Protein backbone atom coordinates (compact mmCIF):
# COMPACT_ATOMS: atom_id res chain seq x y z
CA MET A 1 153.48 116.69 145.00
CA SER A 2 149.71 116.29 145.81
CA GLY A 3 148.77 118.52 143.30
CA ARG A 4 150.26 116.35 140.28
CA PHE A 5 149.56 113.11 142.41
CA LEU A 6 146.06 114.61 142.07
CA ALA A 7 146.63 115.66 138.16
CA ARG A 8 148.34 111.80 137.28
CA PHE A 9 145.73 109.66 139.84
CA SER A 10 142.49 112.08 137.40
CA LEU A 11 143.68 110.99 134.10
CA LEU A 12 144.19 107.80 134.72
CA LEU A 13 140.80 107.65 136.12
CA SER A 14 139.78 108.76 132.84
CA VAL A 15 141.53 106.29 130.51
CA PHE A 16 140.24 103.58 132.44
CA VAL A 17 136.76 104.60 132.24
CA LEU A 18 137.60 105.21 128.16
CA LEU A 19 138.60 101.71 128.37
CA THR A 20 135.36 100.11 129.92
CA ALA A 21 132.93 101.98 127.24
CA LEU A 22 134.92 100.85 124.56
CA VAL A 23 135.01 96.82 126.33
CA ALA A 24 131.41 96.99 127.88
CA SER A 25 129.40 99.35 124.61
CA PRO A 26 128.71 96.48 122.21
CA ALA A 27 126.91 94.06 124.77
CA SER A 28 125.53 96.49 126.54
CA ALA A 29 124.23 97.74 123.09
CA ALA A 30 123.13 94.81 121.70
CA GLY A 31 120.53 94.25 124.95
CA GLN A 32 119.04 97.43 124.28
CA THR A 33 118.43 97.94 121.24
CA MET A 34 118.57 95.07 119.08
CA THR A 35 116.93 91.60 118.38
CA ALA A 36 116.76 89.53 116.74
CA GLN A 37 114.12 86.83 115.84
CA MET A 38 112.85 83.99 113.72
CA PRO A 39 109.47 85.25 112.39
CA ALA A 40 108.30 82.08 110.66
CA VAL A 41 108.89 78.18 110.00
CA GLU A 42 110.54 77.62 106.01
CA THR A 43 109.45 74.44 104.91
CA PHE A 44 111.46 74.26 101.57
CA HIS A 45 114.24 75.32 99.92
CA PHE A 46 116.62 74.77 104.16
CA LYS A 47 115.71 79.19 103.80
CA VAL A 48 116.99 80.64 107.25
CA SER A 49 114.25 83.79 107.41
CA LEU A 50 114.70 86.01 110.35
CA LYS A 51 114.60 89.48 111.21
CA TRP A 52 116.38 92.21 113.75
CA SER A 53 115.27 95.55 114.81
CA ALA A 54 117.94 98.70 113.45
CA VAL A 55 120.68 99.75 115.89
CA PRO A 56 120.03 104.12 115.07
CA GLY A 57 123.65 105.46 113.36
CA ALA A 58 124.50 101.63 111.53
CA SER A 59 125.34 101.34 107.57
CA TYR A 60 124.89 97.56 107.92
CA TYR A 61 124.39 94.25 109.49
CA GLU A 62 126.27 91.34 109.48
CA VAL A 63 124.42 87.90 110.11
CA ARG A 64 126.82 85.70 111.91
CA TYR A 65 126.44 81.94 112.24
CA THR A 66 127.89 79.33 114.78
CA ASN A 67 127.41 75.09 114.39
CA HIS A 68 128.18 75.40 118.53
CA PRO A 69 125.84 78.06 120.11
CA LYS A 70 128.65 78.72 123.18
CA ASN A 71 131.06 80.56 120.38
CA MET A 72 129.31 83.06 118.99
CA LEU A 73 132.10 85.53 119.35
CA THR A 74 134.83 84.11 118.54
CA ASN A 75 134.16 80.73 116.00
CA SER A 76 131.25 82.56 113.83
CA GLY A 77 131.20 82.21 109.81
CA LEU A 78 130.36 84.79 108.10
CA PHE A 79 125.83 84.57 106.23
CA THR A 80 125.25 87.69 105.39
CA MET A 81 125.42 91.15 104.54
CA THR A 82 122.93 93.39 104.59
CA ALA A 83 121.86 96.97 104.93
CA GLY A 84 118.05 95.52 105.35
CA THR A 85 117.15 94.48 108.91
CA GLN A 86 115.31 91.42 107.80
CA ILE A 87 116.40 88.68 105.35
CA TYR A 88 115.72 85.51 103.62
CA SER A 89 117.68 83.18 102.02
CA PRO A 90 118.68 79.95 101.83
CA MET A 91 120.82 77.75 104.17
CA ASN A 92 123.44 75.98 102.37
CA SER A 93 125.34 74.14 104.22
CA SER A 94 125.08 70.88 106.37
CA LEU A 95 122.55 68.87 108.05
CA GLY A 96 122.26 70.03 112.24
CA TYR A 97 121.98 72.71 114.60
CA ARG A 98 123.36 76.44 113.71
CA PHE A 99 122.78 79.59 115.33
CA PHE A 100 123.05 82.91 114.20
CA ARG A 101 123.24 86.64 115.78
CA VAL A 102 123.53 89.50 113.84
CA TYR A 103 126.29 92.27 114.09
CA ALA A 104 125.46 96.16 113.80
CA PHE A 105 128.00 98.31 112.06
CA ASN A 106 129.18 101.74 111.81
CA SER A 107 130.19 103.48 107.82
CA ALA A 108 133.38 103.27 109.69
CA GLY A 109 133.27 99.38 110.45
CA ALA A 110 132.79 99.87 113.82
CA LEU A 111 130.59 97.24 115.91
CA LEU A 112 128.17 99.59 117.35
CA ALA A 113 125.88 96.26 119.12
CA PHE A 114 125.00 92.62 118.43
CA SER A 115 121.75 90.72 118.99
CA ASN A 116 120.86 87.89 120.84
CA SER A 117 121.52 84.15 118.98
CA VAL A 118 118.73 82.17 117.12
CA GLY A 119 118.94 78.78 116.89
CA VAL A 120 117.36 76.13 113.65
CA ALA A 121 117.61 72.83 113.24
CA LYS A 122 118.70 71.46 109.40
CA TYR A 123 116.29 67.78 108.61
CA PRO A 124 117.92 66.14 105.21
CA SER A 125 113.68 67.28 103.81
CA GLY A 126 114.65 70.64 103.37
CA LEU A 127 112.89 71.49 106.80
CA VAL A 128 114.19 74.41 108.78
CA VAL A 129 112.86 74.25 111.94
CA ARG A 130 113.17 76.84 114.93
CA MET A 131 115.36 76.30 118.06
CA LYS A 132 114.73 77.72 121.17
CA LYS A 133 116.14 77.72 124.99
CA ASP A 134 114.22 75.87 127.72
CA VAL A 135 115.19 76.30 131.12
CA ALA A 136 112.34 73.86 133.31
CA LEU A 137 113.72 71.25 130.50
CA THR A 138 117.10 71.70 130.51
CA ASN A 139 117.23 71.70 133.84
CA SER A 140 114.97 68.53 134.02
CA TYR A 141 117.83 66.58 132.66
CA PRO A 142 120.21 64.29 135.12
CA ASP A 143 123.15 65.55 136.03
CA PRO A 144 126.41 63.58 134.71
CA ASN A 145 127.93 64.40 137.99
CA ARG A 146 131.55 64.27 137.25
CA SER A 147 134.12 66.68 136.66
CA TYR A 148 134.76 65.68 132.83
CA VAL A 149 131.70 65.41 131.23
CA PRO A 150 131.56 63.69 127.45
CA ALA A 151 129.93 66.18 124.96
CA GLN A 152 127.56 63.80 124.61
CA TYR A 153 125.84 63.46 128.37
CA GLN A 154 126.17 67.48 128.52
CA ARG A 155 122.86 68.56 129.78
CA PRO A 156 121.14 70.13 126.35
CA THR A 157 119.94 73.96 126.88
CA TRP A 158 118.57 74.45 122.44
CA PHE A 159 115.80 72.37 121.28
CA VAL A 160 113.34 72.40 118.24
CA THR A 161 109.75 73.61 117.82
CA ILE A 162 107.01 71.83 118.53
CA SER A 163 104.10 72.55 116.93
CA PRO A 164 101.49 71.11 114.81
CA THR A 165 102.81 72.35 111.75
CA VAL A 166 106.44 71.23 112.58
CA LEU A 167 104.71 67.61 113.34
CA ASN A 168 103.01 67.62 110.13
CA SER A 169 105.83 68.57 108.20
CA TYR A 170 108.34 65.99 106.50
CA VAL A 171 112.30 65.47 107.55
CA ALA A 172 112.61 63.46 105.62
CA PRO A 173 111.48 61.82 102.06
CA ASN A 174 109.75 59.08 104.19
CA PHE A 175 109.72 60.42 107.69
CA ARG A 176 107.54 63.31 109.38
CA MET A 177 108.65 65.17 112.29
CA SER A 178 105.31 63.38 114.02
CA GLU A 179 106.95 59.89 113.95
CA PHE A 180 109.87 60.80 115.83
CA ILE A 181 107.96 62.50 118.38
CA LEU A 182 105.45 60.03 119.93
CA GLN A 183 105.04 61.88 123.84
CA PRO A 184 101.98 64.27 123.75
CA GLY A 185 102.29 67.98 124.12
CA VAL A 186 105.21 68.33 123.48
CA THR A 187 106.25 71.78 122.66
CA ALA A 188 110.45 71.42 122.71
CA ALA A 189 112.01 68.16 121.00
CA LEU A 190 115.68 67.07 120.19
CA VAL A 191 115.26 64.67 116.86
CA ASP A 192 119.29 65.08 115.26
CA PRO A 193 118.98 65.60 111.79
CA ASN A 194 121.20 63.22 110.96
CA LEU A 195 119.79 60.66 113.41
CA VAL A 196 116.55 60.96 110.45
CA GLN A 197 119.92 60.92 107.59
CA HIS A 198 120.52 57.17 108.99
CA VAL A 199 117.38 56.03 109.61
CA GLN A 200 115.95 57.27 105.97
CA ASP A 201 119.00 55.80 104.60
CA ALA A 202 118.50 52.41 106.58
CA ARG A 203 114.08 52.67 104.74
CA ASN A 204 115.67 53.23 101.41
CA ARG A 205 117.81 50.05 102.03
CA TYR A 206 114.84 47.90 104.21
CA GLY A 207 111.44 49.28 103.07
CA VAL A 208 108.46 50.39 105.21
CA MET A 209 109.36 51.15 108.62
CA TRP A 210 108.26 51.63 111.70
CA ILE A 211 109.23 54.19 115.06
CA GLU A 212 107.91 53.13 118.11
CA SER A 213 109.60 55.38 120.06
CA GLY A 214 111.73 58.14 119.19
CA TYR A 215 112.54 61.99 121.57
CA ARG A 216 111.42 61.46 125.40
CA THR A 217 111.29 63.52 127.68
CA PRO A 218 113.54 63.30 130.93
CA TRP A 219 109.65 62.73 133.11
CA TYR A 220 108.31 60.12 130.39
CA ASN A 221 111.10 58.15 129.90
CA ALA A 222 111.52 57.55 133.26
CA SER A 223 107.46 57.07 133.44
CA VAL A 224 108.28 54.27 130.72
CA GLY A 225 111.32 52.67 132.28
CA GLY A 226 114.33 54.28 130.21
CA SER A 227 117.63 53.64 131.59
CA LYS A 228 118.64 57.61 133.31
CA TYR A 229 120.81 59.11 130.40
CA SER A 230 118.76 57.17 127.60
CA ARG A 231 119.99 58.33 124.13
CA HIS A 232 115.94 58.95 123.39
CA MET A 233 116.16 62.08 125.62
CA TYR A 234 119.32 63.30 123.29
CA GLY A 235 117.05 62.69 120.20
CA ASP A 236 119.60 60.34 118.74
CA GLY A 237 117.97 56.89 119.41
CA VAL A 238 115.46 54.73 117.63
CA ASP A 239 113.34 52.00 118.26
CA VAL A 240 112.18 50.74 114.43
CA ARG A 241 109.44 47.86 115.04
CA ALA A 242 111.08 44.63 114.91
CA ARG A 243 108.95 41.84 116.01
CA THR A 244 110.86 38.48 115.79
CA GLN A 245 113.96 37.95 116.19
CA ALA A 246 114.53 37.32 112.52
CA GLN A 247 112.71 40.99 111.29
CA TRP A 248 115.75 42.50 114.12
CA ASN A 249 118.04 40.34 112.63
CA THR A 250 117.46 41.86 109.03
CA LEU A 251 116.76 45.61 110.59
CA ASN A 252 119.97 44.85 112.61
CA ALA A 253 121.47 43.75 109.42
CA ILE A 254 120.21 47.14 107.62
CA PHE A 255 121.36 49.24 110.33
CA ALA A 256 124.88 48.82 110.07
CA ALA A 257 125.98 50.26 107.63
CA GLU A 258 124.89 53.06 109.29
CA ARG A 259 127.62 52.86 112.24
CA PRO A 260 125.19 53.21 115.38
CA ALA A 261 127.38 52.94 118.24
CA TYR A 262 125.10 51.37 120.64
CA VAL A 263 122.45 48.40 119.34
CA GLU A 264 120.47 46.88 122.37
CA SER A 265 119.72 42.72 121.53
CA TYR A 266 116.67 41.77 120.76
CA ALA A 267 115.94 40.93 124.40
CA GLU A 268 117.00 43.49 125.50
CA GLY A 269 114.61 45.57 123.89
CA GLY A 270 111.63 42.92 124.77
CA ARG A 271 111.91 41.17 121.94
CA HIS A 272 109.56 43.82 119.74
CA HIS A 273 111.17 46.75 117.98
CA TRP A 274 115.17 47.02 116.80
CA HIS A 275 116.98 50.31 119.24
CA GLY A 276 120.22 52.00 117.83
CA ASP A 277 121.99 55.21 118.48
CA TRP A 278 124.60 56.91 117.47
CA ARG A 279 125.57 58.57 120.40
CA SER A 280 129.25 58.80 119.76
CA GLU A 281 128.90 60.47 116.53
CA GLY A 282 131.28 63.12 115.39
CA LYS A 283 128.59 65.39 114.00
CA GLY A 284 130.28 68.62 113.99
CA TYR A 285 127.56 70.64 115.80
CA ARG A 286 125.69 70.50 119.15
CA ASN A 287 122.91 72.47 121.15
CA TRP A 288 124.76 72.75 124.27
């Protein structure tokens, strides 16, 4: 009886080890052998430039994307398929945030490995900018401290990578990135592509307008007396100069067509700007 028991135990153990290897190997291989990166900021034609390390035994690679970074394995669309280890391809999709991951397959179609995630933000002008994680910046955001946190108050985990090139680039026909980031020294920020579209659409109807405040880091927001959950920190709030009640009234009428979720009164804004935000807009993408 003891011999039969040991034989059965040995067989079960072998099956368990085999199943464990099949389940764990793609993830472990990805971390050890495959790294994806966005090597350049692309400023025209909505193009994405992506490179990755080769995987031994791979016959082809699939580049998949998602609008929600937590859904990389379960809810991804196919972006492109290639036998090479880089792509330079148009990003033919709507405005917003996109997150990419590369999957390596052998000739039999078996998954060998998958890469880390990389993200980009797509703006109305044609600008596609790399995104990155910044743990320190994420942790500086206020914790809603509630059992259910609405999407608009989640702590962001992906941010647009800011450089002099990006700051000087147009995010819309009449606006550069620098006009939405007035805080000096910022290397990671949130400037929501839909916000940029709303401001550009309003500008098309109004004429020249001056942005007085766009993105703010949490510490900078606190230093200027911003509210704890100011939408400036989340990239979907904007202040536009209005020095009189009449100017504010005109801007408010112009922006009404953009359907902001919240608008400060002229008095609340300190009697020098129009403030609106799109905190509850259904964007179809997220960065947390």
